[in-house]
PDB file of all heavy atoms in Angstrom:
ATOM      1  N   ASP A   1       6.759  10.239  18.308  1.00  0.00           N
ATOM      2  CA  ASP A   1       6.341   8.855  18.553  1.00  0.00           C
ATOM      3  C   ASP A   1       4.837   8.790  18.787  1.00  0.00           C
ATOM      4  O   ASP A   1       4.157   7.880  18.296  1.00  0.00           O
ATOM      5  CB  ASP A   1       7.081   8.297  19.772  1.00  0.00           C
ATOM      6  CG  ASP A   1       8.566   8.153  19.520  1.00  0.00           C
ATOM      7  OD1 ASP A   1       8.938   7.320  18.682  1.00  0.00           O
ATOM      8  OD2 ASP A   1       9.346   8.889  20.151  1.00  0.00           O
ATOM      9  N   GLY A   2       4.311   9.745  19.562  1.00  0.00           N
ATOM     10  CA  GLY A   2       2.876   9.775  19.817  1.00  0.00           C
ATOM     11  C   GLY A   2       2.073  10.022  18.555  1.00  0.00           C
ATOM     12  O   GLY A   2       1.047   9.385  18.307  1.00  0.00           O
ATOM     13  N   ALA A   3       2.541  10.968  17.723  1.00  0.00           N
ATOM     14  CA  ALA A   3       1.848  11.258  16.462  1.00  0.00           C
ATOM     15  C   ALA A   3       1.851  10.036  15.555  1.00  0.00           C
ATOM     16  O   ALA A   3       0.845   9.726  14.896  1.00  0.00           O
ATOM     17  CB  ALA A   3       2.523  12.439  15.768  1.00  0.00           C
ATOM     18  N   ASN A   4       2.973   9.327  15.534  1.00  0.00           N
ATOM     19  CA  ASN A   4       3.070   8.134  14.702  1.00  0.00           C
ATOM     20  C   ASN A   4       2.140   7.030  15.215  1.00  0.00           C
ATOM     21  O   ASN A   4       1.532   6.292  14.427  1.00  0.00           O
ATOM     22  CB  ASN A   4       4.513   7.626  14.666  1.00  0.00           C
ATOM     23  CG  ASN A   4       4.755   6.622  13.552  1.00  0.00           C
ATOM     24  OD1 ASN A   4       4.150   6.703  12.484  1.00  0.00           O
ATOM     25  ND2 ASN A   4       5.632   5.671  13.795  1.00  0.00           N
ATOM     26  N   PHE A   5       2.024   6.926  16.532  1.00  0.00           N
ATOM     27  CA  PHE A   5       1.126   5.931  17.134  1.00  0.00           C
ATOM     28  C   PHE A   5      -0.310   6.151  16.665  1.00  0.00           C
ATOM     29  O   PHE A   5      -0.991   5.218  16.211  1.00  0.00           O
ATOM     30  CB  PHE A   5       1.212   6.006  18.661  1.00  0.00           C
ATOM     31  CG  PHE A   5       0.210   5.137  19.368  1.00  0.00           C
ATOM     32  CD1 PHE A   5       0.442   3.784  19.546  1.00  0.00           C
ATOM     33  CD2 PHE A   5      -0.975   5.696  19.850  1.00  0.00           C
ATOM     34  CE1 PHE A   5      -0.493   2.991  20.188  1.00  0.00           C
ATOM     35  CE2 PHE A   5      -1.916   4.906  20.498  1.00  0.00           C
ATOM     36  CZ  PHE A   5      -1.669   3.545  20.667  1.00  0.00           C
ATOM     37  N   PHE A   6      -0.780   7.394  16.766  1.00  0.00           N
ATOM     38  CA  PHE A   6      -2.149   7.688  16.355  1.00  0.00           C
ATOM     39  C   PHE A   6      -2.307   7.575  14.837  1.00  0.00           C
ATOM     40  O   PHE A   6      -3.359   7.157  14.347  1.00  0.00           O
ATOM     41  CB  PHE A   6      -2.556   9.082  16.835  1.00  0.00           C
ATOM     42  CG  PHE A   6      -2.841   9.147  18.302  1.00  0.00           C
ATOM     43  CD1 PHE A   6      -1.953   9.768  19.176  1.00  0.00           C
ATOM     44  CD2 PHE A   6      -3.983   8.565  18.824  1.00  0.00           C
ATOM     45  CE1 PHE A   6      -2.210   9.814  20.538  1.00  0.00           C
ATOM     46  CE2 PHE A   6      -4.245   8.608  20.183  1.00  0.00           C
ATOM     47  CZ  PHE A   6      -3.365   9.229  21.046  1.00  0.00           C
ATOM     48  N   ASN A   7      -1.270   7.960  14.097  1.00  0.00           N
ATOM     49  CA  ASN A   7      -1.324   7.863  12.638  1.00  0.00           C
ATOM     50  C   ASN A   7      -1.492   6.415  12.186  1.00  0.00           C
ATOM     51  O   ASN A   7      -2.254   6.113  11.267  1.00  0.00           O
ATOM     52  CB  ASN A   7      -0.056   8.462  12.020  1.00  0.00           C
ATOM     53  CG  ASN A   7      -0.129   8.530  10.508  1.00  0.00           C
ATOM     54  OD1 ASN A   7      -0.875   9.334   9.953  1.00  0.00           O
ATOM     55  ND2 ASN A   7       0.633   7.689   9.818  1.00  0.00           N
ATOM     56  N   LYS A   8      -0.778   5.496  12.837  1.00  0.00           N
ATOM     57  CA  LYS A   8      -0.876   4.076  12.478  1.00  0.00           C
ATOM     58  C   LYS A   8      -2.284   3.537  12.730  1.00  0.00           C
ATOM     59  O   LYS A   8      -2.759   2.671  11.984  1.00  0.00           O
ATOM     60  CB  LYS A   8       0.159   3.253  13.251  1.00  0.00           C
ATOM     61  CG  LYS A   8       1.579   3.431  12.750  1.00  0.00           C
ATOM     62  CD  LYS A   8       2.557   2.468  13.390  1.00  0.00           C
ATOM     63  CE  LYS A   8       2.857   2.848  14.813  1.00  0.00           C
ATOM     64  NZ  LYS A   8       3.931   1.990  15.374  1.00  0.00           N
ATOM     65  N   HIS A   9      -2.955   4.054  13.746  1.00  0.00           N
ATOM     66  CA  HIS A   9      -4.293   3.569  14.065  1.00  0.00           C
ATOM     67  C   HIS A   9      -5.385   4.264  13.260  1.00  0.00           C
ATOM     68  O   HIS A   9      -6.412   3.657  12.945  1.00  0.00           O
ATOM     69  CB  HIS A   9      -4.567   3.750  15.564  1.00  0.00           C
ATOM     70  CG  HIS A   9      -3.862   2.763  16.422  1.00  0.00           C
ATOM     71  ND1 HIS A   9      -2.514   2.861  16.730  1.00  0.00           N
ATOM     72  CD2 HIS A   9      -4.297   1.617  17.019  1.00  0.00           C
ATOM     73  CE1 HIS A   9      -2.161   1.842  17.504  1.00  0.00           C
ATOM     74  NE2 HIS A   9      -3.226   1.076  17.690  1.00  0.00           N
ATOM     75  N   ILE A  10      -5.149   5.517  12.894  1.00  0.00           N
ATOM     76  CA  ILE A  10      -6.168   6.276  12.157  1.00  0.00           C
ATOM     77  C   ILE A  10      -5.950   6.197  10.645  1.00  0.00           C
ATOM     78  O   ILE A  10      -6.862   5.861   9.891  1.00  0.00           O
ATOM     79  CB  ILE A  10      -6.182   7.751  12.617  1.00  0.00           C
ATOM     80  CG1 ILE A  10      -6.551   7.827  14.104  1.00  0.00           C
ATOM     81  CG2 ILE A  10      -7.160   8.569  11.781  1.00  0.00           C
ATOM     82  CD1 ILE A  10      -6.419   9.209  14.706  1.00  0.00           C
ATOM     83  N   ALA A  11      -4.748   6.520  10.206  1.00  0.00           N
ATOM     84  CA  ALA A  11      -4.451   6.525   8.760  1.00  0.00           C
ATOM     85  C   ALA A  11      -3.933   5.181   8.256  1.00  0.00           C
ATOM     86  O   ALA A  11      -3.788   4.986   7.050  1.00  0.00           O
ATOM     87  CB  ALA A  11      -3.436   7.617   8.441  1.00  0.00           C
ATOM     88  N   LYS A  12      -3.597   4.289   9.202  1.00  0.00           N
ATOM     89  CA  LYS A  12      -3.189   2.920   8.875  1.00  0.00           C
ATOM     90  C   LYS A  12      -1.844   2.833   8.165  1.00  0.00           C
ATOM     91  O   LYS A  12      -1.629   1.964   7.326  1.00  0.00           O
ATOM     92  CB  LYS A  12      -4.259   2.213   8.014  1.00  0.00           C
ATOM     93  CG  LYS A  12      -5.653   2.227   8.600  1.00  0.00           C
ATOM     94  CD  LYS A  12      -5.722   1.535   9.949  1.00  0.00           C
ATOM     95  CE  LYS A  12      -7.143   1.522  10.499  1.00  0.00           C
ATOM     96  NZ  LYS A  12      -7.237   0.920  11.854  1.00  0.00           N
ATOM     97  N   TYR A  13      -0.925   3.736   8.458  1.00  0.00           N
ATOM     98  CA  TYR A  13       0.439   3.585   7.943  1.00  0.00           C
ATOM     99  C   TYR A  13       1.426   4.171   8.945  1.00  0.00           C
ATOM    100  O   TYR A  13       1.084   4.993   9.786  1.00  0.00           O
ATOM    101  CB  TYR A  13       0.602   4.221   6.562  1.00  0.00           C
ATOM    102  CG  TYR A  13       0.661   5.732   6.540  1.00  0.00           C
ATOM    103  CD1 TYR A  13       1.884   6.407   6.613  1.00  0.00           C
ATOM    104  CD2 TYR A  13      -0.501   6.488   6.414  1.00  0.00           C
ATOM    105  CE1 TYR A  13       1.948   7.787   6.583  1.00  0.00           C
ATOM    106  CE2 TYR A  13      -0.455   7.877   6.387  1.00  0.00           C
ATOM    107  CZ  TYR A  13       0.772   8.519   6.477  1.00  0.00           C
ATOM    108  OH  TYR A  13       0.829   9.887   6.443  1.00  0.00           O
ATOM    109  N   ASP A  14       2.671   3.699   8.829  1.00  0.00           N
ATOM    110  CA  ASP A  14       3.746   4.074   9.747  1.00  0.00           C
ATOM    111  C   ASP A  14       4.634   5.119   9.080  1.00  0.00           C
ATOM    112  O   ASP A  14       5.087   4.926   7.942  1.00  0.00           O
ATOM    113  CB  ASP A  14       4.556   2.824  10.102  1.00  0.00           C
ATOM    114  CG  ASP A  14       5.575   3.049  11.209  1.00  0.00           C
ATOM    115  OD1 ASP A  14       6.121   4.160  11.285  1.00  0.00           O
ATOM    116  OD2 ASP A  14       5.840   2.111  11.973  1.00  0.00           O
ATOM    117  N   PHE A  15       4.897   6.245   9.772  1.00  0.00           N
ATOM    118  CA  PHE A  15       5.762   7.285   9.213  1.00  0.00           C
ATOM    119  C   PHE A  15       7.106   6.721   8.749  1.00  0.00           C
ATOM    120  O   PHE A  15       7.670   7.158   7.746  1.00  0.00           O
ATOM    121  CB  PHE A  15       6.023   8.378  10.253  1.00  0.00           C
ATOM    122  CG  PHE A  15       4.843   9.242  10.568  1.00  0.00           C
ATOM    123  CD1 PHE A  15       4.742   9.887  11.805  1.00  0.00           C
ATOM    124  CD2 PHE A  15       3.825   9.438   9.651  1.00  0.00           C
ATOM    125  CE1 PHE A  15       3.672  10.702  12.110  1.00  0.00           C
ATOM    126  CE2 PHE A  15       2.739  10.249   9.937  1.00  0.00           C
ATOM    127  CZ  PHE A  15       2.657  10.876  11.176  1.00  0.00           C
ATOM    128  N   LYS A  16       7.635   5.765   9.503  1.00  0.00           N
ATOM    129  CA  LYS A  16       8.964   5.235   9.206  1.00  0.00           C
ATOM    130  C   LYS A  16       8.965   4.302   7.997  1.00  0.00           C
ATOM    131  O   LYS A  16       9.987   4.149   7.328  1.00  0.00           O
ATOM    132  CB  LYS A  16       9.518   4.486  10.418  1.00  0.00           C
ATOM    133  CG  LYS A  16       9.835   5.372  11.614  1.00  0.00           C
ATOM    134  CD  LYS A  16      10.401   4.557  12.766  1.00  0.00           C
ATOM    135  CE  LYS A  16      10.752   5.433  13.952  1.00  0.00           C
ATOM    136  NZ  LYS A  16      11.297   4.645  15.089  1.00  0.00           N
ATOM    137  N   LYS A  17       7.825   3.668   7.725  1.00  0.00           N
ATOM    138  CA  LYS A  17       7.781   2.670   6.660  1.00  0.00           C
ATOM    139  C   LYS A  17       7.448   3.265   5.297  1.00  0.00           C
ATOM    140  O   LYS A  17       7.547   2.574   4.290  1.00  0.00           O
ATOM    141  CB  LYS A  17       6.785   1.570   7.027  1.00  0.00           C
ATOM    142  CG  LYS A  17       7.234   0.731   8.217  1.00  0.00           C
ATOM    143  CD  LYS A  17       6.280  -0.411   8.508  1.00  0.00           C
ATOM    144  CE  LYS A  17       6.787  -1.246   9.683  1.00  0.00           C
ATOM    145  NZ  LYS A  17       5.874  -2.366   9.999  1.00  0.00           N
ATOM    146  N   VAL A  18       7.032   4.531   5.267  1.00  0.00           N
ATOM    147  CA  VAL A  18       6.839   5.213   3.984  1.00  0.00           C
ATOM    148  C   VAL A  18       8.201   5.781   3.601  1.00  0.00           C
ATOM    149  O   VAL A  18       8.535   6.927   3.892  1.00  0.00           O
ATOM    150  CB  VAL A  18       5.774   6.317   4.089  1.00  0.00           C
ATOM    151  CG1 VAL A  18       5.572   7.003   2.742  1.00  0.00           C
ATOM    152  CG2 VAL A  18       4.459   5.737   4.592  1.00  0.00           C
ATOM    153  N   ASP A  19       9.003   4.948   2.966  1.00  0.00           N
ATOM    154  CA  ASP A  19      10.426   5.236   2.766  1.00  0.00           C
ATOM    155  C   ASP A  19      10.733   5.433   1.282  1.00  0.00           C
ATOM    156  O   ASP A  19      10.844   4.471   0.521  1.00  0.00           O
ATOM    157  CB  ASP A  19      11.243   4.072   3.334  1.00  0.00           C
ATOM    158  CG  ASP A  19      12.741   4.353   3.373  1.00  0.00           C
ATOM    159  OD1 ASP A  19      13.179   5.314   2.718  1.00  0.00           O
ATOM    160  OD2 ASP A  19      13.462   3.600   4.048  1.00  0.00           O
ATOM    161  N   ALA A  20      10.856   6.697   0.870  1.00  0.00           N
ATOM    162  CA  ALA A  20      11.132   6.995  -0.542  1.00  0.00           C
ATOM    163  C   ALA A  20      12.530   6.540  -0.954  1.00  0.00           C
ATOM    164  O   ALA A  20      12.754   6.179  -2.113  1.00  0.00           O
ATOM    165  CB  ALA A  20      10.973   8.484  -0.808  1.00  0.00           C
ATOM    166  N   VAL A  21      13.481   6.538  -0.024  1.00  0.00           N
ATOM    167  CA  VAL A  21      14.843   6.079  -0.333  1.00  0.00           C
ATOM    168  C   VAL A  21      14.820   4.607  -0.728  1.00  0.00           C
ATOM    169  O   VAL A  21      15.424   4.203  -1.733  1.00  0.00           O
ATOM    170  CB  VAL A  21      15.777   6.287   0.882  1.00  0.00           C
ATOM    171  CG1 VAL A  21      17.151   5.689   0.590  1.00  0.00           C
ATOM    172  CG2 VAL A  21      15.908   7.762   1.206  1.00  0.00           C
ATOM    173  N   GLU A  22      14.103   3.810   0.043  1.00  0.00           N
ATOM    174  CA  GLU A  22      13.977   2.395  -0.278  1.00  0.00           C
ATOM    175  C   GLU A  22      13.256   2.202  -1.608  1.00  0.00           C
ATOM    176  O   GLU A  22      13.628   1.358  -2.411  1.00  0.00           O
ATOM    177  CB  GLU A  22      13.209   1.683   0.845  1.00  0.00           C
ATOM    178  CG  GLU A  22      12.848   0.226   0.566  1.00  0.00           C
ATOM    179  CD  GLU A  22      14.051  -0.694   0.459  1.00  0.00           C
ATOM    180  OE1 GLU A  22      15.147  -0.305   0.934  1.00  0.00           O
ATOM    181  OE2 GLU A  22      13.900  -1.796  -0.108  1.00  0.00           O
ATOM    182  N   SER A  23      12.248   3.016  -1.843  1.00  0.00           N
ATOM    183  CA  SER A  23      11.466   2.878  -3.070  1.00  0.00           C
ATOM    184  C   SER A  23      12.288   3.177  -4.316  1.00  0.00           C
ATOM    185  O   SER A  23      12.270   2.405  -5.284  1.00  0.00           O
ATOM    186  CB  SER A  23      10.244   3.802  -3.019  1.00  0.00           C
ATOM    187  OG  SER A  23       9.405   3.587  -4.130  1.00  0.00           O
ATOM    188  N   VAL A  24      13.041   4.295  -4.310  1.00  0.00           N
ATOM    189  CA  VAL A  24      13.818   4.633  -5.513  1.00  0.00           C
ATOM    190  C   VAL A  24      14.984   3.669  -5.720  1.00  0.00           C
ATOM    191  O   VAL A  24      15.537   3.590  -6.823  1.00  0.00           O
ATOM    192  CB  VAL A  24      14.332   6.092  -5.476  1.00  0.00           C
ATOM    193  CG1 VAL A  24      13.167   7.062  -5.427  1.00  0.00           C
ATOM    194  CG2 VAL A  24      15.295   6.330  -4.324  1.00  0.00           C
ATOM    195  N   SER A  25      15.354   2.928  -4.681  1.00  0.00           N
ATOM    196  CA  SER A  25      16.400   1.916  -4.866  1.00  0.00           C
ATOM    197  C   SER A  25      15.898   0.772  -5.741  1.00  0.00           C
ATOM    198  O   SER A  25      16.693  -0.039  -6.220  1.00  0.00           O
ATOM    199  CB  SER A  25      16.879   1.373  -3.511  1.00  0.00           C
ATOM    200  OG  SER A  25      15.902   0.547  -2.911  1.00  0.00           O
ATOM    201  N   HIS A  26      14.582   0.724  -5.953  1.00  0.00           N
ATOM    202  CA  HIS A  26      13.972  -0.291  -6.827  1.00  0.00           C
ATOM    203  C   HIS A  26      13.311   0.360  -8.043  1.00  0.00           C
ATOM    204  O   HIS A  26      12.468  -0.269  -8.688  1.00  0.00           O
ATOM    205  CB  HIS A  26      12.937  -1.100  -6.052  1.00  0.00           C
ATOM    206  CG  HIS A  26      13.473  -1.784  -4.837  1.00  0.00           C
ATOM    207  ND1 HIS A  26      14.335  -2.876  -4.895  1.00  0.00           N
ATOM    208  CD2 HIS A  26      13.297  -1.520  -3.510  1.00  0.00           C
ATOM    209  CE1 HIS A  26      14.645  -3.256  -3.661  1.00  0.00           C
ATOM    210  NE2 HIS A  26      14.044  -2.449  -2.811  1.00  0.00           N
ATOM    211  N   ALA A  27      13.687   1.597  -8.340  1.00  0.00           N
ATOM    212  CA  ALA A  27      13.054   2.327  -9.450  1.00  0.00           C
ATOM    213  C   ALA A  27      13.191   1.556 -10.755  1.00  0.00           C
ATOM    214  O   ALA A  27      14.231   0.963 -11.037  1.00  0.00           O
ATOM    215  CB  ALA A  27      13.667   3.711  -9.579  1.00  0.00           C
ATOM    216  N   GLN A  28      12.125   1.605 -11.543  1.00  0.00           N
ATOM    217  CA  GLN A  28      12.088   0.839 -12.793  1.00  0.00           C
ATOM    218  C   GLN A  28      12.203   1.709 -14.035  1.00  0.00           C
ATOM    219  O   GLN A  28      12.288   1.187 -15.153  1.00  0.00           O
ATOM    220  CB  GLN A  28      10.778   0.045 -12.848  1.00  0.00           C
ATOM    221  CG  GLN A  28      10.593  -0.898 -11.670  1.00  0.00           C
ATOM    222  CD  GLN A  28       9.232  -1.531 -11.654  1.00  0.00           C
ATOM    223  OE1 GLN A  28       8.824  -2.191 -12.609  1.00  0.00           O
ATOM    224  NE2 GLN A  28       8.489  -1.316 -10.583  1.00  0.00           N
ATOM    225  N   VAL A  29      12.183   3.041 -13.857  1.00  0.00           N
ATOM    226  CA  VAL A  29      12.284   3.959 -14.994  1.00  0.00           C
ATOM    227  C   VAL A  29      13.303   5.042 -14.670  1.00  0.00           C
ATOM    228  O   VAL A  29      13.610   5.286 -13.497  1.00  0.00           O
ATOM    229  CB  VAL A  29      10.911   4.609 -15.306  1.00  0.00           C
ATOM    230  CG1 VAL A  29       9.908   3.560 -15.747  1.00  0.00           C
ATOM    231  CG2 VAL A  29      10.383   5.375 -14.097  1.00  0.00           C
ATOM    232  N   PRO A  30      13.864   5.705 -15.674  1.00  0.00           N
ATOM    233  CA  PRO A  30      14.812   6.809 -15.412  1.00  0.00           C
ATOM    234  C   PRO A  30      14.166   7.903 -14.579  1.00  0.00           C
ATOM    235  O   PRO A  30      12.954   8.138 -14.660  1.00  0.00           O
ATOM    236  CB  PRO A  30      15.153   7.309 -16.824  1.00  0.00           C
ATOM    237  CG  PRO A  30      14.876   6.157 -17.725  1.00  0.00           C
ATOM    238  CD  PRO A  30      13.707   5.447 -17.122  1.00  0.00           C
ATOM    239  N   MET A  31      14.990   8.594 -13.772  1.00  0.00           N
ATOM    240  CA  MET A  31      14.487   9.621 -12.873  1.00  0.00           C
ATOM    241  C   MET A  31      15.317  10.896 -12.942  1.00  0.00           C
ATOM    242  O   MET A  31      16.534  10.833 -13.063  1.00  0.00           O
ATOM    243  CB  MET A  31      14.472   9.109 -11.427  1.00  0.00           C
ATOM    244  CG  MET A  31      13.574   7.902 -11.210  1.00  0.00           C
ATOM    245  SD  MET A  31      13.359   7.484  -9.456  1.00  0.00           S
ATOM    246  CE  MET A  31      12.412   8.898  -8.882  1.00  0.00           C
TER     247      MET A  31
END
């Protein structure tokens, strides 16, 4: 949780929201 807190402020993204499962559920090409 602490690492994610600093990551959101420094790298500007949330570990939980970079979700490859959600992304491939909208895939537009064969995989």
